[in-house]
Structure formats: C-alpha cells, structure tokens
C-alpha cells in the first residue's frame, strides 16, 4: 500500500487513530476534572446563578458530584453515570445521572460521605439554581423496544 492510503494508523502507546485531512487524531480524550468544574462554574455564574466548590478532588480524573440547592431547602444530587452505560459512546464526554431528587440536605450529605469513603478524590459542586437546563450532560436510559423484557 502507498503511504497515506491506510485509513488507520497506530501511534506509539495508543490504539488505532483515524487519518483526516487535517492530521491524525487519537480517540477523544476526557477533559480533566478541574477544567470541567471551572468551566461549569463559569457557565453557572454567566447565567446569574451561584456555584461553589464544596470539595476539591483529583485534578485529573476525580469523580464529580453536583448538589443542586433549591429555595425550599431541598436538594437534588447528580453523580457520574456508570461507565457501563456509555462504553459504546466514544465522545469522551462526561455523563451524569440523577442520584437523589429533591430530598433533605442530610440525606444528600450521607450519600456523599459514603461516596467519599469509597473514593477520596471526588469533587462536590454546590449549585444554587432552580433549573440546570442543559448545563449537565445527563444519561437518559432508553428502554429497549425488542425482546420479551420490554419496559
């Protein structure tokens, strides 16, 4: 084969990468946790809402949890979606899932304490807003329409 005619190449220490007119791009990489949190805080402040980092985790790959605070004193907790939910999706995007919905502060604190015992490198971000509306990429499980085990 002629040079450049192969659709994929292997770079040292990486998997196959696709050739494109602009060069060689490896599989998408996930943004570091500290950069993701900083960008999310900036977007929240840009909307006129408030956010603060309650707990700093590992800068490179710490799990991120978001506490959404409401005026009535309840909270909603979002956490990282399990990897098995989106292993087929190679976008490198972080996905979140709803863990608790409009519960008391103590209940959210208990869940976060258990998570911190399991993974001490986690991030906790508090957000004061009534609506997150598109700020977090949420995993939405789509029911499978075929087979005997339909929802």
N, C-alpha and C. Protein backbone atom coordinates (compact mmCIF):
# COMPACT_ATOMS: atom_id res chain seq x y z
N UNK A 1 0.83 -1.19 0.00
CA UNK A 1 0.00 0.00 0.00
C UNK A 1 0.87 1.25 0.00
N UNK A 2 0.36 2.28 -0.60
CA UNK A 2 1.10 3.53 -0.62
C UNK A 2 0.96 4.25 0.71
N UNK A 3 1.93 5.07 0.99
CA UNK A 3 1.89 5.85 2.21
C UNK A 3 0.65 6.76 2.19
N UNK A 4 -0.06 6.78 3.31
CA UNK A 4 -1.24 7.64 3.43
C UNK A 4 -2.51 7.00 2.92
N UNK A 5 -2.43 5.78 2.38
CA UNK A 5 -3.64 5.15 1.85
C UNK A 5 -4.36 4.33 2.90
N UNK A 6 -3.73 4.12 4.07
CA UNK A 6 -4.37 3.35 5.12
C UNK A 6 -5.33 4.23 5.90
N UNK A 7 -6.54 3.72 6.21
CA UNK A 7 -7.49 4.55 6.94
C UNK A 7 -7.13 4.70 8.41
N UNK A 8 -6.36 3.79 8.96
CA UNK A 8 -5.99 3.87 10.38
C UNK A 8 -4.51 3.65 10.54
N UNK A 9 -3.95 4.25 11.56
CA UNK A 9 -2.54 4.07 11.90
C UNK A 9 -2.46 3.81 13.39
N UNK A 10 -1.32 3.35 13.84
CA UNK A 10 -1.12 3.12 15.26
C UNK A 10 0.03 4.00 15.71
N UNK A 11 -0.25 4.87 16.68
CA UNK A 11 0.79 5.69 17.28
C UNK A 11 1.39 4.94 18.44
N UNK A 12 2.61 5.23 18.77
CA UNK A 12 3.27 4.55 19.89
C UNK A 12 2.46 4.73 21.16
N UNK A 13 2.07 3.62 21.79
CA UNK A 13 1.36 3.65 23.05
C UNK A 13 -0.11 3.98 22.95
N UNK A 14 -0.69 3.96 21.77
CA UNK A 14 -2.11 4.26 21.66
C UNK A 14 -2.77 3.24 20.75
N UNK A 15 -4.07 3.31 20.69
CA UNK A 15 -4.84 2.44 19.82
C UNK A 15 -4.88 3.03 18.43
N UNK A 16 -5.67 2.43 17.56
CA UNK A 16 -5.76 2.94 16.19
C UNK A 16 -6.35 4.35 16.18
N UNK A 17 -5.87 5.15 15.29
CA UNK A 17 -6.37 6.51 15.14
C UNK A 17 -6.75 6.72 13.68
N UNK A 18 -7.71 7.58 13.44
CA UNK A 18 -8.18 7.82 12.08
C UNK A 18 -7.37 8.94 11.44
N UNK A 19 -7.07 8.78 10.16
CA UNK A 19 -6.43 9.83 9.39
C UNK A 19 -7.51 10.78 8.91
N UNK A 20 -7.20 12.03 8.89
CA UNK A 20 -8.11 13.02 8.35
C UNK A 20 -7.30 14.02 7.56
N UNK A 21 -7.95 14.87 6.79
CA UNK A 21 -7.20 15.86 6.00
C UNK A 21 -6.37 16.79 6.87
N UNK A 22 -6.76 16.98 8.12
CA UNK A 22 -6.03 17.90 9.00
C UNK A 22 -4.94 17.20 9.81
N UNK A 23 -4.84 15.92 9.75
CA UNK A 23 -3.82 15.22 10.52
C UNK A 23 -4.36 13.95 11.14
N UNK A 24 -3.67 13.48 12.14
CA UNK A 24 -4.03 12.24 12.82
C UNK A 24 -4.58 12.59 14.19
N UNK A 25 -5.79 12.11 14.49
CA UNK A 25 -6.43 12.40 15.76
C UNK A 25 -6.67 11.10 16.51
N UNK A 26 -6.19 11.00 17.75
CA UNK A 26 -6.47 9.80 18.53
C UNK A 26 -7.91 9.82 19.02
N UNK A 27 -8.33 8.76 19.72
CA UNK A 27 -9.66 8.72 20.30
C UNK A 27 -9.87 9.95 21.17
N UNK A 28 -11.10 10.46 21.27
CA UNK A 28 -11.35 11.66 22.07
C UNK A 28 -10.94 11.44 23.52
N UNK A 29 -10.39 12.48 24.10
CA UNK A 29 -9.97 12.42 25.50
C UNK A 29 -10.96 13.17 26.36
N UNK A 30 -11.09 12.76 27.60
CA UNK A 30 -11.97 13.41 28.54
C UNK A 30 -11.25 14.62 29.14
N UNK A 31 -11.98 15.71 29.28
CA UNK A 31 -11.44 16.92 29.89
C UNK A 31 -11.14 16.63 31.36
N UNK A 32 -10.04 17.18 31.86
CA UNK A 32 -9.67 16.99 33.25
C UNK A 32 -10.77 17.53 34.17
N UNK A 33 -10.90 16.92 35.32
CA UNK A 33 -11.97 17.29 36.25
C UNK A 33 -11.90 18.74 36.67
N UNK A 34 -10.71 19.26 36.97
CA UNK A 34 -10.62 20.65 37.42
C UNK A 34 -11.04 21.62 36.32
N UNK A 35 -10.74 21.31 35.09
CA UNK A 35 -11.14 22.17 33.98
C UNK A 35 -12.65 22.10 33.77
N UNK A 36 -13.22 20.89 33.85
CA UNK A 36 -14.66 20.71 33.70
C UNK A 36 -15.41 21.51 34.77
N UNK A 37 -14.97 21.40 36.03
CA UNK A 37 -15.62 22.11 37.13
C UNK A 37 -15.51 23.62 36.95
N UNK A 38 -14.32 24.09 36.59
CA UNK A 38 -14.12 25.54 36.40
C UNK A 38 -15.02 26.06 35.28
N UNK A 39 -15.15 25.32 34.19
CA UNK A 39 -16.00 25.74 33.08
C UNK A 39 -17.47 25.74 33.49
N UNK A 40 -17.88 24.72 34.25
CA UNK A 40 -19.27 24.64 34.70
C UNK A 40 -19.59 25.80 35.65
N UNK A 41 -18.69 26.11 36.57
CA UNK A 41 -18.91 27.23 37.49
C UNK A 41 -19.04 28.53 36.70
N UNK A 42 -18.20 28.70 35.72
CA UNK A 42 -18.25 29.92 34.91
C UNK A 42 -19.58 30.04 34.16
N UNK A 43 -20.05 28.93 33.60
CA UNK A 43 -21.33 28.95 32.89
C UNK A 43 -22.49 29.25 33.84
N UNK A 44 -22.43 28.71 35.06
CA UNK A 44 -23.49 28.95 36.04
C UNK A 44 -23.52 30.42 36.44
N UNK A 45 -22.34 30.99 36.73
CA UNK A 45 -22.28 32.42 37.06
C UNK A 45 -22.72 33.27 35.89
N UNK A 46 -22.40 32.85 34.68
CA UNK A 46 -22.82 33.59 33.49
C UNK A 46 -24.32 33.67 33.33
N UNK A 47 -25.02 32.68 33.87
CA UNK A 47 -26.49 32.68 33.83
C UNK A 47 -27.11 33.49 34.95
N UNK A 48 -26.28 33.96 35.88
CA UNK A 48 -26.79 34.73 37.02
C UNK A 48 -27.08 33.88 38.23
N UNK A 49 -26.69 32.63 38.23
CA UNK A 49 -26.88 31.74 39.37
C UNK A 49 -25.57 31.66 40.16
N UNK A 50 -25.55 30.87 41.22
CA UNK A 50 -24.39 30.78 42.09
C UNK A 50 -23.91 29.34 42.19
N UNK A 51 -22.59 29.17 42.23
CA UNK A 51 -22.00 27.84 42.41
C UNK A 51 -20.73 27.98 43.24
N UNK A 52 -20.43 26.96 44.01
CA UNK A 52 -19.19 26.93 44.79
C UNK A 52 -18.68 25.50 44.86
N UNK A 53 -17.37 25.37 44.93
CA UNK A 53 -16.76 24.05 45.07
C UNK A 53 -16.73 23.72 46.56
N UNK A 54 -17.52 22.72 46.95
CA UNK A 54 -17.58 22.30 48.35
C UNK A 54 -16.38 21.42 48.70
N UNK A 55 -15.95 20.63 47.74
CA UNK A 55 -14.83 19.71 47.97
C UNK A 55 -14.05 19.56 46.68
N UNK A 56 -12.73 19.77 46.77
CA UNK A 56 -11.86 19.58 45.61
C UNK A 56 -11.33 18.16 45.62
N UNK A 57 -11.36 17.55 44.46
CA UNK A 57 -10.85 16.20 44.30
C UNK A 57 -9.62 16.18 43.44
N UNK A 58 -9.35 15.03 42.87
CA UNK A 58 -8.18 14.88 41.99
C UNK A 58 -8.38 15.74 40.74
N UNK A 59 -7.36 16.52 40.40
CA UNK A 59 -7.46 17.44 39.27
C UNK A 59 -7.62 16.71 37.95
N UNK A 60 -7.01 15.56 37.81
CA UNK A 60 -7.01 14.87 36.53
C UNK A 60 -8.29 14.09 36.27
N UNK A 61 -8.72 13.29 37.23
CA UNK A 61 -9.84 12.39 36.92
C UNK A 61 -10.74 12.12 38.12
N UNK A 62 -10.89 13.07 39.01
CA UNK A 62 -11.79 12.87 40.15
C UNK A 62 -13.24 12.84 39.72
N UNK A 63 -14.02 11.98 40.36
CA UNK A 63 -15.46 11.92 40.08
C UNK A 63 -16.10 13.23 40.54
N UNK A 64 -17.10 13.70 39.80
CA UNK A 64 -17.74 14.99 40.08
C UNK A 64 -19.19 14.74 40.48
N UNK A 65 -19.57 15.29 41.63
CA UNK A 65 -20.95 15.24 42.11
C UNK A 65 -21.46 16.67 42.19
N UNK A 66 -22.71 16.88 41.80
CA UNK A 66 -23.31 18.20 41.81
C UNK A 66 -24.53 18.19 42.73
N UNK A 67 -24.50 19.09 43.74
CA UNK A 67 -25.63 19.29 44.64
C UNK A 67 -26.39 20.50 44.13
N UNK A 68 -27.61 20.30 43.70
CA UNK A 68 -28.45 21.41 43.25
C UNK A 68 -29.33 21.82 44.42
N UNK A 69 -29.15 23.05 44.90
CA UNK A 69 -29.89 23.56 46.05
C UNK A 69 -31.10 24.36 45.59
N UNK A 70 -32.23 24.13 46.26
CA UNK A 70 -33.46 24.84 45.95
C UNK A 70 -33.81 25.79 47.09
N UNK A 71 -34.64 26.77 46.81
CA UNK A 71 -35.03 27.75 47.82
C UNK A 71 -35.82 27.15 48.97
N UNK A 72 -36.52 26.05 48.72
CA UNK A 72 -37.32 25.44 49.79
C UNK A 72 -36.49 24.55 50.72
N UNK A 73 -35.16 24.50 50.52
CA UNK A 73 -34.29 23.73 51.41
C UNK A 73 -34.02 22.31 50.94
N UNK A 74 -34.64 21.88 49.87
CA UNK A 74 -34.38 20.54 49.36
C UNK A 74 -33.20 20.58 48.38
N UNK A 75 -32.68 19.40 48.06
CA UNK A 75 -31.54 19.29 47.16
C UNK A 75 -31.75 18.14 46.19
N UNK A 76 -31.10 18.26 45.06
CA UNK A 76 -31.02 17.18 44.09
C UNK A 76 -29.54 16.86 43.91
N UNK A 77 -29.22 15.58 43.83
CA UNK A 77 -27.83 15.16 43.68
C UNK A 77 -27.64 14.48 42.33
N UNK A 78 -26.64 14.96 41.60
CA UNK A 78 -26.23 14.33 40.34
C UNK A 78 -24.84 13.76 40.54
N UNK A 79 -24.61 12.58 39.99
CA UNK A 79 -23.30 11.95 40.07
C UNK A 79 -22.91 11.39 38.72
N UNK A 80 -21.67 10.94 38.62
CA UNK A 80 -21.24 10.38 37.33
C UNK A 80 -22.02 9.11 36.99
N UNK A 81 -22.41 9.01 35.74
CA UNK A 81 -23.09 7.80 35.28
C UNK A 81 -22.07 6.68 35.20
N UNK A 82 -22.44 5.46 35.55
CA UNK A 82 -21.50 4.34 35.46
C UNK A 82 -20.97 4.18 34.04
N UNK A 83 -19.69 3.83 33.94
CA UNK A 83 -19.04 3.67 32.63
C UNK A 83 -19.76 2.68 31.75
N UNK A 84 -20.35 1.66 32.33
CA UNK A 84 -21.01 0.63 31.53
C UNK A 84 -22.21 1.20 30.76
N UNK A 85 -22.73 2.35 31.17
CA UNK A 85 -23.87 2.95 30.48
C UNK A 85 -23.48 3.51 29.13
N UNK A 86 -22.21 3.90 28.96
CA UNK A 86 -21.85 4.57 27.73
C UNK A 86 -20.49 4.16 27.20
N UNK A 87 -20.09 2.91 27.41
CA UNK A 87 -18.82 2.42 26.87
C UNK A 87 -18.81 2.46 25.34
N UNK A 88 -19.95 2.28 24.71
CA UNK A 88 -20.01 2.30 23.25
C UNK A 88 -19.85 3.71 22.69
N UNK A 89 -20.14 4.70 23.51
CA UNK A 89 -20.06 6.10 23.09
C UNK A 89 -18.64 6.59 23.28
N UNK A 90 -17.95 6.90 22.22
CA UNK A 90 -16.54 7.28 22.30
C UNK A 90 -16.34 8.78 22.15
N UNK A 91 -17.27 9.58 22.70
CA UNK A 91 -17.14 11.03 22.56
C UNK A 91 -16.21 11.62 23.60
N UNK A 92 -15.94 10.92 24.69
CA UNK A 92 -15.10 11.46 25.75
C UNK A 92 -15.86 12.39 26.67
N UNK A 93 -17.16 12.54 26.46
CA UNK A 93 -17.98 13.45 27.26
C UNK A 93 -18.31 12.82 28.60
N UNK A 94 -18.33 13.63 29.64
CA UNK A 94 -18.78 13.17 30.95
C UNK A 94 -20.30 13.12 30.94
N UNK A 95 -20.86 12.06 31.47
CA UNK A 95 -22.30 11.94 31.59
C UNK A 95 -22.66 11.83 33.06
N UNK A 96 -23.77 12.44 33.43
CA UNK A 96 -24.24 12.42 34.81
C UNK A 96 -25.58 11.73 34.88
N UNK A 97 -25.88 11.23 36.09
CA UNK A 97 -27.19 10.64 36.32
C UNK A 97 -27.78 11.23 37.59
N UNK A 98 -29.09 11.25 37.65
CA UNK A 98 -29.79 11.74 38.82
C UNK A 98 -29.67 10.68 39.92
N UNK A 99 -29.12 11.06 41.08
CA UNK A 99 -28.98 10.12 42.18
C UNK A 99 -30.09 10.29 43.21
N UNK A 100 -30.37 11.54 43.60
CA UNK A 100 -31.44 11.85 44.56
C UNK A 100 -32.19 13.06 44.03
N UNK A 101 -33.51 13.06 44.20
CA UNK A 101 -34.31 14.16 43.66
C UNK A 101 -35.10 14.83 44.77
N UNK A 102 -34.78 16.10 45.01
CA UNK A 102 -35.47 16.96 45.97
C UNK A 102 -35.68 16.27 47.31
N UNK A 103 -34.57 16.00 47.98
CA UNK A 103 -34.57 15.40 49.31
C UNK A 103 -33.90 16.37 50.27
N UNK A 104 -33.88 16.01 51.56
CA UNK A 104 -33.26 16.86 52.57
C UNK A 104 -31.74 16.89 52.46
N UNK A 105 -31.15 17.95 53.02
CA UNK A 105 -29.70 18.14 52.98
C UNK A 105 -28.95 16.98 53.64
N UNK A 106 -29.48 16.47 54.75
CA UNK A 106 -28.80 15.39 55.46
C UNK A 106 -28.70 14.12 54.63
N UNK A 107 -29.73 13.83 53.88
CA UNK A 107 -29.73 12.63 53.04
C UNK A 107 -28.66 12.73 51.95
N UNK A 108 -28.54 13.90 51.34
CA UNK A 108 -27.51 14.12 50.32
C UNK A 108 -26.12 14.02 50.96
N UNK A 109 -25.96 14.62 52.14
CA UNK A 109 -24.67 14.57 52.84
C UNK A 109 -24.26 13.14 53.18
N UNK A 110 -25.23 12.32 53.57
CA UNK A 110 -24.94 10.92 53.89
C UNK A 110 -24.44 10.16 52.65
N UNK A 111 -25.10 10.38 51.52
CA UNK A 111 -24.69 9.70 50.28
C UNK A 111 -23.28 10.15 49.89
N UNK A 112 -23.01 11.45 49.99
CA UNK A 112 -21.68 11.95 49.63
C UNK A 112 -20.60 11.44 50.59
N UNK A 113 -20.93 11.28 51.86
CA UNK A 113 -19.97 10.73 52.82
C UNK A 113 -19.63 9.29 52.47
N UNK A 114 -20.63 8.50 52.08
CA UNK A 114 -20.36 7.12 51.65
C UNK A 114 -19.50 7.09 50.40
N UNK A 115 -19.81 7.96 49.46
CA UNK A 115 -19.01 8.03 48.23
C UNK A 115 -17.57 8.43 48.53
N UNK A 116 -17.38 9.37 49.46
CA UNK A 116 -16.03 9.84 49.82
C UNK A 116 -15.22 8.74 50.50
N UNK A 117 -15.89 7.86 51.26
CA UNK A 117 -15.17 6.72 51.85
C UNK A 117 -14.70 5.76 50.76
N UNK A 118 -15.47 5.65 49.71
CA UNK A 118 -15.13 4.77 48.60
C UNK A 118 -14.07 5.40 47.70
N UNK A 119 -14.21 6.71 47.42
CA UNK A 119 -13.31 7.42 46.51
C UNK A 119 -13.00 8.79 47.11
N UNK A 120 -11.83 8.93 47.72
CA UNK A 120 -11.46 10.18 48.41
C UNK A 120 -11.14 11.30 47.43
N UNK A 121 -11.02 11.02 46.14
CA UNK A 121 -10.64 12.03 45.16
C UNK A 121 -11.83 12.69 44.46
N UNK A 122 -13.02 12.59 45.04
CA UNK A 122 -14.19 13.13 44.36
C UNK A 122 -14.33 14.64 44.56
N UNK A 123 -15.02 15.25 43.63
CA UNK A 123 -15.35 16.67 43.66
C UNK A 123 -16.82 16.80 44.05
N UNK A 124 -17.15 17.86 44.82
CA UNK A 124 -18.54 18.19 45.12
C UNK A 124 -18.74 19.66 44.79
N UNK A 125 -19.69 19.92 43.91
CA UNK A 125 -20.01 21.26 43.48
C UNK A 125 -21.43 21.58 43.93
N UNK A 126 -21.60 22.70 44.66
CA UNK A 126 -22.93 23.15 45.06
C UNK A 126 -23.41 24.21 44.08
N UNK A 127 -24.63 24.04 43.60
CA UNK A 127 -25.20 24.95 42.62
C UNK A 127 -26.54 25.45 43.15
N UNK A 128 -26.69 26.76 43.25
CA UNK A 128 -27.95 27.35 43.67
C UNK A 128 -28.68 27.85 42.44
N UNK A 129 -29.60 27.03 41.96
CA UNK A 129 -30.41 27.37 40.80
C UNK A 129 -31.67 26.52 40.81
N UNK A 130 -32.71 27.06 40.27
CA UNK A 130 -33.96 26.29 40.18
C UNK A 130 -33.95 25.35 38.98
N UNK A 131 -33.12 25.65 37.98
CA UNK A 131 -33.10 24.85 36.75
C UNK A 131 -31.68 24.74 36.22
N UNK A 132 -31.20 23.50 36.03
CA UNK A 132 -29.88 23.29 35.44
C UNK A 132 -29.93 23.37 33.92
N UNK A 133 -31.06 23.11 33.35
CA UNK A 133 -31.34 23.26 31.93
C UNK A 133 -30.19 23.18 30.95
N UNK A 134 -29.70 22.01 30.68
CA UNK A 134 -28.70 21.83 29.65
C UNK A 134 -27.26 22.05 30.08
N UNK A 135 -27.02 22.38 31.35
CA UNK A 135 -25.65 22.57 31.80
C UNK A 135 -24.92 21.25 32.02
N UNK A 136 -25.68 20.21 32.37
CA UNK A 136 -25.09 18.90 32.62
C UNK A 136 -25.53 17.92 31.55
N UNK A 137 -24.59 17.20 30.96
CA UNK A 137 -24.99 16.14 30.03
C UNK A 137 -25.51 14.95 30.84
N UNK A 138 -26.82 14.73 30.80
CA UNK A 138 -27.44 13.67 31.59
C UNK A 138 -27.61 12.41 30.76
N UNK A 139 -27.34 11.28 31.41
CA UNK A 139 -27.60 9.99 30.78
C UNK A 139 -29.07 9.70 30.94
N UNK A 140 -29.72 9.42 29.85
CA UNK A 140 -31.13 9.05 29.88
C UNK A 140 -31.25 7.66 29.28
N UNK A 141 -31.58 6.71 30.14
CA UNK A 141 -31.69 5.34 29.67
C UNK A 141 -32.91 5.20 28.78
N UNK A 142 -32.67 4.69 27.59
CA UNK A 142 -33.76 4.47 26.64
C UNK A 142 -34.17 3.01 26.71
N UNK A 143 -35.44 2.74 26.95
CA UNK A 143 -35.86 1.35 27.03
C UNK A 143 -35.69 0.64 25.70
N UNK A 144 -35.29 -0.61 25.79
CA UNK A 144 -35.12 -1.41 24.59
C UNK A 144 -36.49 -1.88 24.13
N UNK A 145 -36.79 -1.68 22.86
CA UNK A 145 -38.13 -1.94 22.33
C UNK A 145 -38.32 -3.38 21.84
N UNK A 146 -37.26 -4.18 21.82
CA UNK A 146 -37.40 -5.53 21.29
C UNK A 146 -37.20 -6.55 22.39
N UNK A 147 -37.69 -7.74 22.15
CA UNK A 147 -37.50 -8.82 23.10
C UNK A 147 -38.62 -8.92 24.12
N UNK A 148 -38.59 -9.98 24.91
CA UNK A 148 -39.66 -10.22 25.87
C UNK A 148 -39.58 -9.32 27.11
N UNK A 149 -38.46 -8.59 27.30
CA UNK A 149 -38.28 -7.80 28.51
C UNK A 149 -38.42 -6.32 28.25
N UNK A 150 -39.47 -5.92 27.57
CA UNK A 150 -39.72 -4.53 27.29
C UNK A 150 -40.22 -3.83 28.54
N UNK A 151 -39.97 -2.54 28.60
CA UNK A 151 -40.44 -1.76 29.75
C UNK A 151 -41.82 -1.24 29.49
